[in-house]
Amino acid sequence: MRNLKALLVSIFDQLAILTMLGILTLIVAVLAYVSPSHGGVSRKVLVLCFAIAIIGIIATVYRMRMVYRMNRARAVLSGRLAEGQRILLAMRSSIPVPTQTQKEEAGGWLQQVEVDIGKYLDESYLRRFQFQVSLESPANPLSLKIESALESIGKFLSELWVS
């Protein structure tokens, strides 16, 4: 259901619609300009209109793909944010020391977040995430890593909403 929603959002993206309308207008204008003067449309004009249509389709599909990826990234990272908050609360409730199960769950969560960031966002997001999470303190390194990861995800989500 989420994939369908993200697909529909990308189809009805304003920039994608404007691109399609612009290409259609250009094709109609070329045909209207050439048709009355020559009594018909030549093969060269049809090839030109076809090339314009192909370029427009490529631009529209590129934009739709970008919007779809951003929507999927937001959805996945929002889910990871909620999951990370749950893990952090569980770790804090077992003070002074998190259990081995909690440590394994937190480590798995951190790895999965890295995979998701690498899958949906570009390399700069992944490098920023890895740098932020690598900063740790001797007091409780794992919970600080989780906090840093949550902070990074929050920043990424705010950046994705702006774009």
C-alpha atoms as a PDB file:
ATOM      1  CA  MET A   1       0.000   0.000   0.000  1.00  0.00           C
ATOM      2  CA  ARG A   2       2.864   2.385   0.798  1.00  0.00           C
ATOM      3  CA  ASN A   3       4.462   1.677  -2.574  1.00  0.00           C
ATOM      4  CA  LEU A   4       1.200   2.482  -4.355  1.00  0.00           C
ATOM      5  CA  LYS A   5       0.812   5.709  -2.406  1.00  0.00           C
ATOM      6  CA  ALA A   6       4.396   6.742  -3.168  1.00  0.00           C
ATOM      7  CA  LEU A   7       3.856   5.886  -6.841  1.00  0.00           C
ATOM      8  CA  LEU A   8       0.691   7.987  -7.021  1.00  0.00           C
ATOM      9  CA  VAL A   9       2.423  10.910  -5.328  1.00  0.00           C
ATOM     10  CA  SER A  10       5.243  10.722  -7.872  1.00  0.00           C
ATOM     11  CA  ILE A  11       2.800  10.550 -10.801  1.00  0.00           C
ATOM     12  CA  PHE A  12       0.928  13.629  -9.627  1.00  0.00           C
ATOM     13  CA  ASP A  13       4.065  15.590  -8.752  1.00  0.00           C
ATOM     14  CA  GLN A  14       3.621  19.183  -9.888  1.00  0.00           C
ATOM     15  CA  LEU A  15       6.956  19.407 -11.666  1.00  0.00           C
ATOM     16  CA  ALA A  16       6.320  16.140 -13.533  1.00  0.00           C
ATOM     17  CA  ILE A  17       2.902  17.383 -14.650  1.00  0.00           C
ATOM     18  CA  LEU A  18       4.366  20.720 -15.761  1.00  0.00           C
ATOM     19  CA  THR A  19       7.043  18.891 -17.741  1.00  0.00           C
ATOM     20  CA  MET A  20       4.432  16.751 -19.495  1.00  0.00           C
ATOM     21  CA  LEU A  21       2.266  19.784 -20.283  1.00  0.00           C
ATOM     22  CA  GLY A  22       5.254  21.754 -21.564  1.00  0.00           C
ATOM     23  CA  ILE A  23       6.310  18.959 -23.901  1.00  0.00           C
ATOM     24  CA  LEU A  24       2.760  18.505 -25.169  1.00  0.00           C
ATOM     25  CA  THR A  25       2.465  22.256 -25.776  1.00  0.00           C
ATOM     26  CA  LEU A  26       5.761  22.290 -27.665  1.00  0.00           C
ATOM     27  CA  ILE A  27       4.661  19.424 -29.906  1.00  0.00           C
ATOM     28  CA  VAL A  28       1.303  21.081 -30.631  1.00  0.00           C
ATOM     29  CA  ALA A  29       3.038  24.397 -31.362  1.00  0.00           C
ATOM     30  CA  VAL A  30       5.477  22.768 -33.808  1.00  0.00           C
ATOM     31  CA  LEU A  31       2.643  20.949 -35.569  1.00  0.00           C
ATOM     32  CA  ALA A  32       0.465  24.065 -35.691  1.00  0.00           C
ATOM     33  CA  TYR A  33       3.325  26.182 -37.049  1.00  0.00           C
ATOM     34  CA  VAL A  34       4.321  23.745 -39.792  1.00  0.00           C
ATOM     35  CA  SER A  35       0.952  22.317 -40.856  1.00  0.00           C
ATOM     36  CA  PRO A  36      -0.728  25.415 -42.399  1.00  0.00           C
ATOM     37  CA  SER A  37       2.289  26.482 -44.456  1.00  0.00           C
ATOM     38  CA  HIS A  38       3.073  23.120 -46.036  1.00  0.00           C
ATOM     39  CA  GLY A  39      -0.383  21.655 -46.386  1.00  0.00           C
ATOM     40  CA  GLY A  40       0.611  18.743 -44.199  1.00  0.00           C
ATOM     41  CA  VAL A  41       3.206  17.469 -41.816  1.00  0.00           C
ATOM     42  CA  SER A  42       6.493  16.246 -43.232  1.00  0.00           C
ATOM     43  CA  ARG A  43       8.405  13.259 -41.989  1.00  0.00           C
ATOM     44  CA  LYS A  44      11.119  15.533 -40.535  1.00  0.00           C
ATOM     45  CA  VAL A  45       8.556  17.373 -38.416  1.00  0.00           C
ATOM     46  CA  LEU A  46       7.118  14.099 -37.141  1.00  0.00           C
ATOM     47  CA  VAL A  47      10.613  12.898 -36.230  1.00  0.00           C
ATOM     48  CA  LEU A  48      11.245  16.198 -34.424  1.00  0.00           C
ATOM     49  CA  CYS A  49       7.971  15.868 -32.491  1.00  0.00           C
ATOM     50  CA  PHE A  50       8.795  12.256 -31.658  1.00  0.00           C
ATOM     51  CA  ALA A  51      12.248  13.280 -30.375  1.00  0.00           C
ATOM     52  CA  ILE A  52      10.690  16.034 -28.258  1.00  0.00           C
ATOM     53  CA  ALA A  53       8.192  13.525 -26.856  1.00  0.00           C
ATOM     54  CA  ILE A  54      10.948  11.031 -25.986  1.00  0.00           C
ATOM     55  CA  ILE A  55      13.006  13.706 -24.219  1.00  0.00           C
ATOM     56  CA  GLY A  56       9.898  14.784 -22.320  1.00  0.00           C
ATOM     57  CA  ILE A  57       9.089  11.233 -21.280  1.00  0.00           C
ATOM     58  CA  ILE A  58      12.653  10.689 -20.071  1.00  0.00           C
ATOM     59  CA  ALA A  59      12.608  13.932 -18.062  1.00  0.00           C
ATOM     60  CA  THR A  60       9.211  13.100 -16.564  1.00  0.00           C
ATOM     61  CA  VAL A  61      10.184   9.548 -15.635  1.00  0.00           C
ATOM     62  CA  TYR A  62      13.421  10.821 -14.066  1.00  0.00           C
ATOM     63  CA  ARG A  63      11.495  13.320 -11.946  1.00  0.00           C
ATOM     64  CA  MET A  64       8.873  10.735 -10.964  1.00  0.00           C
ATOM     65  CA  ARG A  65      11.605   8.283  -9.975  1.00  0.00           C
ATOM     66  CA  MET A  66      13.310  10.923  -7.843  1.00  0.00           C
ATOM     67  CA  VAL A  67      10.045  11.823  -6.076  1.00  0.00           C
ATOM     68  CA  TYR A  68       9.262   8.130  -5.524  1.00  0.00           C
ATOM     69  CA  ARG A  69      12.705   7.487  -3.985  1.00  0.00           C
ATOM     70  CA  MET A  70      12.401  10.502  -1.682  1.00  0.00           C
ATOM     71  CA  ASN A  71       8.966   9.375  -0.513  1.00  0.00           C
ATOM     72  CA  ARG A  72      10.217   5.829   0.096  1.00  0.00           C
ATOM     73  CA  ALA A  73      13.262   7.204   1.943  1.00  0.00           C
ATOM     74  CA  ARG A  74      11.006   9.295   4.180  1.00  0.00           C
ATOM     75  CA  ALA A  75       8.752   6.334   4.926  1.00  0.00           C
ATOM     76  CA  VAL A  76      11.603   3.919   5.648  1.00  0.00           C
ATOM     77  CA  LEU A  77      13.603   6.389   7.754  1.00  0.00           C
ATOM     78  CA  SER A  78      10.496   7.385   9.718  1.00  0.00           C
ATOM     79  CA  GLY A  79       9.973   3.722  10.561  1.00  0.00           C
ATOM     80  CA  ARG A  80      13.628   3.322  11.546  1.00  0.00           C
ATOM     81  CA  LEU A  81      13.383   6.453  13.703  1.00  0.00           C
ATOM     82  CA  ALA A  82      10.450   5.015  15.644  1.00  0.00           C
ATOM     83  CA  GLU A  83      12.198   1.664  15.981  1.00  0.00           C
ATOM     84  CA  GLY A  84      15.404   3.330  17.203  1.00  0.00           C
ATOM     85  CA  GLN A  85      13.509   5.366  19.788  1.00  0.00           C
ATOM     86  CA  ARG A  86      11.930   2.163  21.080  1.00  0.00           C
ATOM     87  CA  ILE A  87      15.341   0.470  21.322  1.00  0.00           C
ATOM     88  CA  LEU A  88      16.864   3.458  23.120  1.00  0.00           C
ATOM     89  CA  LEU A  89      14.023   3.580  25.658  1.00  0.00           C
ATOM     90  CA  ALA A  90      14.440  -0.136  26.320  1.00  0.00           C
ATOM     91  CA  MET A  91      18.188   0.317  26.824  1.00  0.00           C
ATOM     92  CA  ARG A  92      17.673   3.226  29.212  1.00  0.00           C
ATOM     93  CA  SER A  93      15.172   1.242  31.254  1.00  0.00           C
ATOM     94  CA  SER A  94      17.769  -1.461  31.916  1.00  0.00           C
ATOM     95  CA  ILE A  95      20.315   0.858  33.529  1.00  0.00           C
ATOM     96  CA  PRO A  96      23.124   0.463  34.526  1.00  0.00           C
ATOM     97  CA  VAL A  97      23.970  -2.017  31.749  1.00  0.00           C
ATOM     98  CA  PRO A  98      21.961  -2.981  28.650  1.00  0.00           C
ATOM     99  CA  THR A  99      21.400  -6.699  28.171  1.00  0.00           C
ATOM    100  CA  GLN A 100      23.195  -8.664  25.471  1.00  0.00           C
ATOM    101  CA  THR A 101      19.925  -8.995  23.542  1.00  0.00           C
ATOM    102  CA  GLN A 102      19.473  -5.227  23.582  1.00  0.00           C
ATOM    103  CA  LYS A 103      23.045  -4.731  22.385  1.00  0.00           C
ATOM    104  CA  GLU A 104      22.502  -7.156  19.509  1.00  0.00           C
ATOM    105  CA  GLU A 105      19.199  -5.510  18.598  1.00  0.00           C
ATOM    106  CA  ALA A 106      20.818  -2.056  18.644  1.00  0.00           C
ATOM    107  CA  GLY A 107      23.738  -3.234  16.512  1.00  0.00           C
ATOM    108  CA  GLY A 108      21.378  -4.826  14.007  1.00  0.00           C
ATOM    109  CA  TRP A 109      19.290  -1.660  13.918  1.00  0.00           C
ATOM    110  CA  LEU A 110      22.371   0.487  13.220  1.00  0.00           C
ATOM    111  CA  GLN A 111      23.412  -1.820  10.381  1.00  0.00           C
ATOM    112  CA  GLN A 112      19.916  -1.792   8.886  1.00  0.00           C
ATOM    113  CA  VAL A 113      19.785   2.011   9.030  1.00  0.00           C
ATOM    114  CA  GLU A 114      23.089   2.153   7.126  1.00  0.00           C
ATOM    115  CA  VAL A 115      21.703  -0.231   4.507  1.00  0.00           C
ATOM    116  CA  ASP A 116      18.529   1.845   4.127  1.00  0.00           C
ATOM    117  CA  ILE A 117      20.414   5.131   3.860  1.00  0.00           C
ATOM    118  CA  GLY A 118      22.718   3.608   1.245  1.00  0.00           C
ATOM    119  CA  LYS A 119      19.737   2.245  -0.672  1.00  0.00           C
ATOM    120  CA  TYR A 120      17.540   5.351  -0.771  1.00  0.00           C
ATOM    121  CA  LEU A 121      19.894   8.320  -0.359  1.00  0.00           C
ATOM    122  CA  ASP A 122      23.196   9.324  -1.888  1.00  0.00           C
ATOM    123  CA  GLU A 123      26.681   8.692  -0.565  1.00  0.00           C
ATOM    124  CA  SER A 124      26.916  11.999   1.324  1.00  0.00           C
ATOM    125  CA  TYR A 125      24.068  11.008   3.643  1.00  0.00           C
ATOM    126  CA  LEU A 126      25.721   7.662   4.361  1.00  0.00           C
ATOM    127  CA  ARG A 127      29.091   9.273   5.126  1.00  0.00           C
ATOM    128  CA  ARG A 128      27.488  11.860   7.415  1.00  0.00           C
ATOM    129  CA  PHE A 129      25.590   9.108   9.240  1.00  0.00           C
ATOM    130  CA  GLN A 130      28.695   6.962   9.674  1.00  0.00           C
ATOM    131  CA  PHE A 131      30.743   9.911  10.922  1.00  0.00           C
ATOM    132  CA  GLN A 132      28.068  11.005  13.410  1.00  0.00           C
ATOM    133  CA  VAL A 133      27.587   7.493  14.782  1.00  0.00           C
ATOM    134  CA  SER A 134      31.327   6.824  15.063  1.00  0.00           C
ATOM    135  CA  LEU A 135      31.661   9.567  17.682  1.00  0.00           C
ATOM    136  CA  GLU A 136      31.252   7.748  20.970  1.00  0.00           C
ATOM    137  CA  SER A 137      31.890   8.177  24.664  1.00  0.00           C
ATOM    138  CA  PRO A 138      33.373   5.658  27.084  1.00  0.00           C
ATOM    139  CA  ALA A 139      30.412   6.061  29.480  1.00  0.00           C
ATOM    140  CA  ASN A 140      27.839   4.182  27.396  1.00  0.00           C
ATOM    141  CA  PRO A 141      28.972   4.042  23.785  1.00  0.00           C
ATOM    142  CA  LEU A 142      26.054   2.048  22.407  1.00  0.00           C
ATOM    143  CA  SER A 143      23.291   4.279  23.734  1.00  0.00           C
ATOM    144  CA  LEU A 144      25.203   7.343  22.531  1.00  0.00           C
ATOM    145  CA  LYS A 145      25.563   5.746  19.106  1.00  0.00           C
ATOM    146  CA  ILE A 146      21.807   5.194  19.022  1.00  0.00           C
ATOM    147  CA  GLU A 147      21.182   8.795  20.101  1.00  0.00           C
ATOM    148  CA  SER A 148      23.566  10.071  17.414  1.00  0.00           C
ATOM    149  CA  ALA A 149      21.901   7.865  14.818  1.00  0.00           C
ATOM    150  CA  LEU A 150      18.449   9.123  15.814  1.00  0.00           C
ATOM    151  CA  GLU A 151      19.668  12.708  15.591  1.00  0.00           C
ATOM    152  CA  SER A 152      21.108  12.065  12.119  1.00  0.00           C
ATOM    153  CA  ILE A 153      17.901  10.433  10.917  1.00  0.00           C
ATOM    154  CA  GLY A 154      15.908  13.392  12.223  1.00  0.00           C
ATOM    155  CA  LYS A 155      18.171  15.796  10.301  1.00  0.00           C
ATOM    156  CA  PHE A 156      17.896  13.716   7.144  1.00  0.00           C
ATOM    157  CA  LEU A 157      14.111  13.621   7.389  1.00  0.00           C
ATOM    158  CA  SER A 158      13.919  17.394   7.790  1.00  0.00           C
ATOM    159  CA  GLU A 159      16.178  17.800   4.738  1.00  0.00           C
ATOM    160  CA  LEU A 160      14.035  15.391   2.713  1.00  0.00           C
ATOM    161  CA  TRP A 161      10.846  17.283   3.562  1.00  0.00           C
ATOM    162  CA  VAL A 162      12.399  20.506   2.275  1.00  0.00           C
ATOM    163  CA  SER A 163      13.549  18.995  -1.027  1.00  0.00           C
END
